[in-house]
Each structure stands twice: as structure tokens, then as C-alpha cells.
Protein backbone atom coordinates (compact mmCIF):
# COMPACT_ATOMS: atom_id res chain seq x y z
CA MET A 1 -27.46 -54.85 22.81
CA THR A 2 -29.42 -57.77 21.37
CA SER A 3 -33.08 -57.56 20.35
CA SER A 4 -34.05 -59.93 23.17
CA ALA A 5 -32.21 -57.75 25.71
CA LEU A 6 -33.99 -54.65 24.41
CA LEU A 7 -37.39 -56.35 24.64
CA GLU A 8 -36.65 -57.47 28.19
CA LEU A 9 -35.63 -53.93 29.13
CA LEU A 10 -38.91 -52.55 27.78
CA ALA A 11 -40.83 -55.29 29.57
CA GLU A 12 -39.17 -54.29 32.86
CA VAL A 13 -40.40 -50.74 32.35
CA GLU A 14 -43.90 -52.01 31.54
CA ARG A 15 -43.97 -54.12 34.72
CA GLY A 16 -42.88 -51.14 36.76
CA ARG A 17 -39.65 -52.80 37.87
CA LEU A 18 -37.54 -50.23 36.05
CA THR A 19 -38.15 -46.51 35.73
CA PRO A 20 -38.19 -44.91 32.28
CA GLU A 21 -35.24 -42.76 33.42
CA ALA A 22 -33.19 -45.82 34.35
CA ALA A 23 -34.05 -47.45 31.02
CA ALA A 24 -33.01 -44.29 29.18
CA GLN A 25 -29.68 -44.37 31.00
CA ARG A 26 -29.16 -47.99 29.94
CA LEU A 27 -29.83 -46.99 26.34
CA ALA A 28 -27.62 -43.92 26.47
CA THR A 29 -24.75 -45.64 24.66
CA LEU A 30 -26.92 -46.58 21.69
CA PRO A 31 -26.17 -46.55 18.85
CA PHE A 32 -22.46 -46.19 19.69
CA GLU A 33 -20.07 -45.37 22.52
CA ASP A 34 -17.22 -42.96 21.86
CA LEU A 35 -14.01 -44.17 23.54
CA GLY A 36 -11.88 -41.50 21.92
CA HIS A 37 -9.85 -43.95 19.84
CA ALA A 38 -12.91 -45.95 18.73
CA ARG A 39 -16.68 -45.61 18.41
CA VAL A 40 -18.07 -48.92 19.58
CA ASP A 41 -21.17 -49.96 17.64
CA HIS A 42 -23.58 -51.27 20.31
CA HIS A 43 -26.45 -51.08 17.80
CA ARG A 44 -25.09 -53.67 15.40
CA SER A 45 -26.83 -56.68 16.98
CA LEU A 46 -30.17 -54.90 16.64
CA ARG A 47 -29.52 -54.07 13.00
CA ILE A 48 -28.03 -57.30 11.65
CA GLY A 49 -28.31 -59.89 14.41
CA LEU A 50 -24.61 -60.19 15.32
CA PRO A 51 -22.47 -57.82 17.40
CA GLU A 52 -19.42 -55.86 16.36
CA VAL A 53 -16.11 -57.75 16.40
CA VAL A 54 -12.74 -56.36 17.49
CA PHE A 55 -10.01 -56.50 14.83
CA ALA A 56 -6.95 -56.34 17.08
CA ALA A 57 -4.25 -56.01 14.40
CA GLY A 58 -2.78 -52.52 14.49
CA LYS A 59 -4.34 -51.70 17.86
CA THR A 60 -2.50 -51.44 21.16
CA ALA A 61 -3.35 -53.89 23.93
CA GLU A 62 -5.02 -51.07 25.85
CA GLN A 63 -7.19 -50.07 22.89
CA THR A 64 -8.20 -53.67 22.23
CA VAL A 65 -9.12 -54.29 25.87
CA ALA A 66 -11.13 -51.08 26.07
CA ILE A 67 -13.23 -52.01 23.03
CA PHE A 68 -13.57 -55.62 24.18
CA SER A 69 -14.72 -54.50 27.64
CA SER A 70 -17.20 -51.99 26.21
CA LEU A 71 -18.85 -54.74 24.17
CA ALA A 72 -18.75 -57.20 27.08
CA ALA A 73 -20.57 -54.73 29.31
CA ASP A 74 -23.44 -54.82 26.83
CA GLY A 75 -24.01 -58.53 27.51
CA VAL A 76 -23.29 -59.75 23.98
CA ASP A 77 -20.90 -62.47 22.86
CA VAL A 78 -17.56 -60.79 22.20
CA LEU A 79 -14.88 -61.79 19.71
CA ALA A 80 -11.46 -60.29 19.01
CA THR A 81 -9.52 -61.49 15.97
CA ARG A 82 -5.83 -61.30 14.98
CA VAL A 83 -4.84 -61.02 18.62
CA GLU A 84 -1.15 -61.13 19.55
CA PRO A 85 -0.28 -63.36 22.54
CA ALA A 86 0.65 -60.41 24.77
CA THR A 87 -2.65 -58.67 24.02
CA ALA A 88 -4.54 -61.90 24.65
CA GLN A 89 -3.05 -62.13 28.13
CA VAL A 90 -4.16 -58.58 28.93
CA ILE A 91 -7.72 -59.36 27.80
CA LEU A 92 -7.82 -62.58 29.82
CA ALA A 93 -6.60 -60.75 32.92
CA ARG A 94 -9.60 -58.43 32.63
CA HIS A 95 -12.05 -61.13 31.46
CA PRO A 96 -11.07 -64.52 32.96
CA ALA A 97 -14.12 -66.20 31.45
CA ALA A 98 -12.87 -65.47 27.93
CA SER A 99 -10.96 -68.09 25.93
CA HIS A 100 -7.84 -67.67 23.80
CA ASN A 101 -7.27 -69.79 20.70
CA ALA A 102 -3.58 -69.35 19.84
CA VAL A 103 -3.89 -71.04 16.44
CA ALA A 104 -6.83 -68.89 15.37
CA ARG A 105 -5.36 -65.79 17.08
CA THR A 106 -8.74 -65.09 18.69
CA VAL A 107 -10.13 -64.25 22.10
CA ALA A 108 -13.82 -65.02 22.62
CA LEU A 109 -16.24 -64.38 25.46
CA ARG A 110 -19.55 -66.27 25.36
CA GLN A 111 -22.19 -64.69 27.59
CA SER A 112 -25.50 -64.73 25.70
CA SER A 113 -28.34 -66.95 26.93
CA GLY A 114 -27.87 -69.30 23.97
CA ALA A 115 -24.24 -69.91 24.90
CA SER A 116 -25.14 -72.41 27.61
CA GLU A 117 -28.57 -73.66 26.63
CA ALA A 118 -28.72 -77.27 25.43
CA GLY A 119 -29.71 -77.49 21.79
CA ALA A 120 -29.32 -73.75 21.22
CA SER A 121 -27.02 -74.38 18.24
CA GLU A 122 -29.82 -76.28 16.50
CA THR A 123 -31.80 -73.07 16.05
CA LYS A 124 -28.71 -71.04 15.18
CA GLY A 125 -27.63 -73.29 12.36
CA HIS A 126 -24.83 -75.65 11.46
CA VAL A 127 -21.63 -74.51 9.74
CA ALA A 128 -18.98 -76.88 8.41
CA VAL A 129 -15.43 -75.55 8.19
CA ILE A 130 -13.08 -77.33 5.79
CA CYS A 131 -9.45 -76.73 5.01
CA ALA A 132 -7.22 -78.23 2.34
CA GLY A 133 -4.09 -78.74 4.46
CA THR A 134 -2.64 -78.31 7.91
CA SER A 135 -0.96 -75.08 6.78
CA ASP A 136 -4.45 -73.57 6.35
CA LEU A 137 -5.36 -74.28 9.99
CA PRO A 138 -4.97 -70.71 11.35
CA ILE A 139 -7.54 -69.38 8.88
CA ALA A 140 -9.85 -72.36 9.28
CA GLU A 141 -9.71 -72.07 13.07
CA GLU A 142 -10.47 -68.34 12.85
CA ALA A 143 -13.59 -69.28 10.90
CA ALA A 144 -14.55 -72.08 13.28
CA VAL A 145 -14.13 -69.94 16.41
CA THR A 146 -16.13 -67.12 14.83
CA ALA A 147 -19.04 -69.43 14.00
CA GLU A 148 -18.96 -71.05 17.45
CA THR A 149 -18.82 -67.70 19.24
CA PHE A 150 -22.03 -66.64 17.56
CA GLY A 151 -23.88 -69.82 18.41
CA ALA A 152 -23.59 -72.05 15.37
CA LYS A 153 -22.85 -75.74 15.58
CA VAL A 154 -19.47 -76.24 13.92
CA THR A 155 -18.08 -79.33 12.23
CA ARG A 156 -14.34 -79.18 11.53
CA LEU A 157 -13.03 -81.20 8.56
CA TYR A 158 -9.32 -80.54 8.13
CA ASP A 159 -6.60 -81.72 5.72
CA VAL A 160 -8.98 -82.91 2.99
CA GLY A 161 -7.39 -81.19 -0.02
CA VAL A 162 -7.70 -82.25 -3.64
CA ALA A 163 -4.21 -83.81 -3.73
CA GLY A 164 -5.86 -86.76 -2.00
CA LEU A 165 -9.49 -86.55 -3.10
CA HIS A 166 -10.40 -89.75 -1.27
CA ARG A 167 -9.96 -87.85 2.02
CA LEU A 168 -12.75 -85.44 1.09
CA LEU A 169 -15.04 -88.17 -0.19
CA ALA A 170 -14.56 -90.03 3.09
CA VAL A 171 -16.23 -87.15 4.99
CA ARG A 172 -18.95 -86.41 2.44
CA ASP A 173 -21.70 -87.55 4.81
CA ASP A 174 -20.51 -85.05 7.41
CA LEU A 175 -21.39 -82.21 5.02
CA LYS A 176 -25.01 -83.16 4.49
CA SER A 177 -26.43 -81.54 7.62
CA ALA A 178 -24.56 -78.24 7.29
CA HIS A 179 -26.53 -75.13 6.35
CA ALA A 180 -23.41 -73.39 5.03
CA ILE A 181 -19.82 -74.48 4.39
CA VAL A 182 -16.61 -72.48 4.71
CA VAL A 183 -13.71 -73.86 2.64
CA CYS A 184 -10.16 -72.60 3.24
CA ALA A 185 -7.45 -73.44 0.72
CA GLY A 186 -4.20 -72.06 -0.65
CA MET A 187 -1.99 -73.27 -3.52
CA GLU A 188 -4.23 -73.37 -6.63
CA GLY A 189 -7.44 -73.02 -4.58
CA ALA A 190 -9.36 -75.89 -6.19
CA LEU A 191 -11.03 -77.34 -3.10
CA PRO A 192 -14.13 -75.05 -2.93
CA SER A 193 -15.15 -75.99 -6.47
CA VAL A 194 -15.00 -79.69 -5.62
CA VAL A 195 -16.98 -79.18 -2.42
CA GLY A 196 -19.50 -77.03 -4.27
CA GLY A 197 -20.17 -79.90 -6.64
CA LEU A 198 -21.01 -82.22 -3.74
CA VAL A 199 -23.45 -80.17 -1.66
CA ALA A 200 -26.74 -78.28 -2.01
CA VAL A 201 -25.86 -75.36 0.28
CA PRO A 202 -23.83 -72.14 -0.07
CA VAL A 203 -20.06 -72.62 -0.08
CA ILE A 204 -17.95 -69.67 1.07
CA ALA A 205 -14.41 -69.96 -0.25
CA VAL A 206 -11.46 -68.49 1.63
CA PRO A 207 -8.21 -68.23 -0.33
CA THR A 208 -5.24 -68.52 2.02
CA SER A 209 -1.77 -67.10 1.58
CA VAL A 210 -0.30 -70.61 1.60
CA GLY A 211 1.86 -71.74 -1.31
CA TYR A 212 5.11 -71.33 -3.19
CA GLY A 213 6.22 -68.28 -5.19
CA ALA A 214 3.65 -68.36 -7.97
CA SER A 215 0.84 -68.47 -5.42
CA PHE A 216 1.56 -64.73 -5.00
CA GLY A 217 0.50 -64.65 -1.36
CA GLY A 218 -2.90 -66.16 -2.06
CA ALA A 219 -3.71 -64.24 -5.25
CA THR A 220 -3.57 -67.43 -7.35
CA ALA A 221 -6.05 -69.18 -5.05
CA LEU A 222 -8.26 -66.07 -5.03
CA LEU A 223 -8.44 -65.91 -8.82
CA GLY A 224 -9.04 -69.66 -9.07
CA MET A 225 -11.94 -69.45 -6.61
CA LEU A 226 -13.43 -66.40 -8.34
CA ASN A 227 -13.46 -68.45 -11.54
CA SER A 228 -15.11 -71.49 -9.95
CA CYS A 229 -17.44 -73.46 -12.17
CA SER A 230 -19.57 -74.43 -9.15
CA PRO A 231 -22.38 -71.84 -9.03
CA ASN A 232 -22.95 -72.17 -5.27
CA VAL A 233 -19.42 -70.92 -4.47
CA THR A 234 -18.79 -67.34 -3.40
CA VAL A 235 -15.45 -65.90 -2.31
CA VAL A 236 -14.11 -63.63 0.44
CA ASN A 237 -10.75 -61.90 0.74
CA ILE A 238 -7.42 -63.68 1.23
CA ASP A 239 -7.08 -65.17 4.74
CA ASN A 240 -10.48 -63.77 5.78
CA GLY A 241 -11.75 -66.72 7.80
CA PHE A 242 -13.64 -64.33 10.06
CA GLY A 243 -15.63 -62.72 7.24
CA ALA A 244 -16.50 -66.09 5.72
CA ALA A 245 -17.77 -67.45 9.03
CA TYR A 246 -19.71 -64.30 9.91
CA THR A 247 -21.63 -64.61 6.64
CA ALA A 248 -22.00 -68.38 7.06
CA VAL A 249 -23.60 -67.88 10.49
CA LEU A 250 -26.18 -65.49 9.05
CA ILE A 251 -26.97 -67.96 6.25
CA ALA A 252 -27.15 -70.88 8.66
CA ARG A 253 -29.46 -69.05 11.07
CA GLY A 254 -31.88 -68.23 8.29
CA ALA A 255 -31.83 -71.80 6.98
CA ALA A 256 -32.29 -73.27 10.47
CA HIS A 257 -35.30 -71.08 11.22
CA THR A 258 -36.84 -71.96 7.85
CA ARG A 259 -36.50 -75.69 8.53
CA HIS A 260 -37.99 -75.31 12.01
């Protein structure tokens, strides 16, 4: 449940359009709903501004759909990450309005009021998502879909790695309006440091598991990013495009409200 939904519920009681008993029944699943295999956190939007997200890896299709449906019934925007194609089809059969991004391995359902309002993204911030190469696309798309699902304006800037620095410099103007930037890179992981030296906003670096043997599944990029000389660069876990974007959305929202 979002804060605006809670306020509207209380207003309905105040106007006499809803009985206190009916309101109490609506709130019965707060702060969580026990599904047996999962305890769905309906209170998260009220606490931190964004709802819980379904991490589908390791879950059965039935478990994933049950959690997804529980969140959807609450009226929030719903996102499932690391979704296998078969599970995605089961979710879409239950929720036809949802969208599946096969590259990002996500299923998203937009249903908040801001999802369809013109200009809503302006007040929810602007996130730029950058990746070094095409091989980083799955992680970059996971980040982009996450930011879009939660209302941010997203600018995608792909295949601008340091092996051809002119490609990054060619899109430098596109970075100026972003409130936060997510940078996904594998190999030696140098791209976030370069981006950090060009912008005056937080840069969230995502090391990807892309590279040859000595990349050690992304560990080389992770260590390189942790040792960045750009002080506005912070780092999330390997391949964690979701976590980077979730944080970027919170940063962008705060910055957007400050500017307005």
C-alpha cells in the first residue's frame, strides 16, 4: 500500500463513504501477508517509498505468481526480476496487462496513478543507464526496467565503453539532466570512473560477469570499481542491475523534489 492510497482510505472513512470496519479489513494484511512460502511485505511502500520486488530465481512459477498477485492486489507497481521464460508466461496469463522483457528477465505491472499521467516522471526523477558493451545489456536492461517501473524517466546509453572513449564523449550532453546514473561494465570495470569524472551526480557502478578468465566472473570489475578514484562513484554487487536502479530511483526522486 502506498502512502497516497492509505490517505485516500482514511479520507473515505472521514467522508462516511467507508465504514471503519471495512477500512480495518482493507488494512488487515499490513504489514505483511503470510502465503505460507513467503511473507509479502505490503508495508514497504509506506516505509521507504517503493514496494517489495519479487526475486524469481529459485522460486517455482506458482510461488512467483502468488507473490506477484498478492502485491498486484495492493494496487502498487509490481516487478519480478530474474524470471525464466516459462514463469513469465504463467504471470502474463494471470496478469495480461503486465509486460515481459526477455533481455532483462523481468516482468513488470504498472498500475499506480503516476504510471499514466503525463509528466509524472518529471517529479519522480531522471535516471541514465549506461553500459560498456552489448554483452552487458541484460544487466543494463534490468536496471532500466526497474527504474521505469517505479516511475523514473530513463535514458539508455549503451555500448559506450572505454575501448572507444569517443562514443561516451559523444553522449556527454545526454547525461547532464540525469539525477543519478547507473553504469554497468565488465572486463576491467573502468567505465564508472570515467563517467564519474564527467558528471556532478551520484554514479552507481554495476560490475558485470562479462569477460575472459582473469575477470573471475566479475570480481576484477568489482575490485576496480571499489578502487575508483572518482569520489561520486559507489558500487553494488556483481550483476545487480536491480539494486543499482532501486537506489538510483530513490536518489532521483529526492533530487527532483528538491529542484521543484
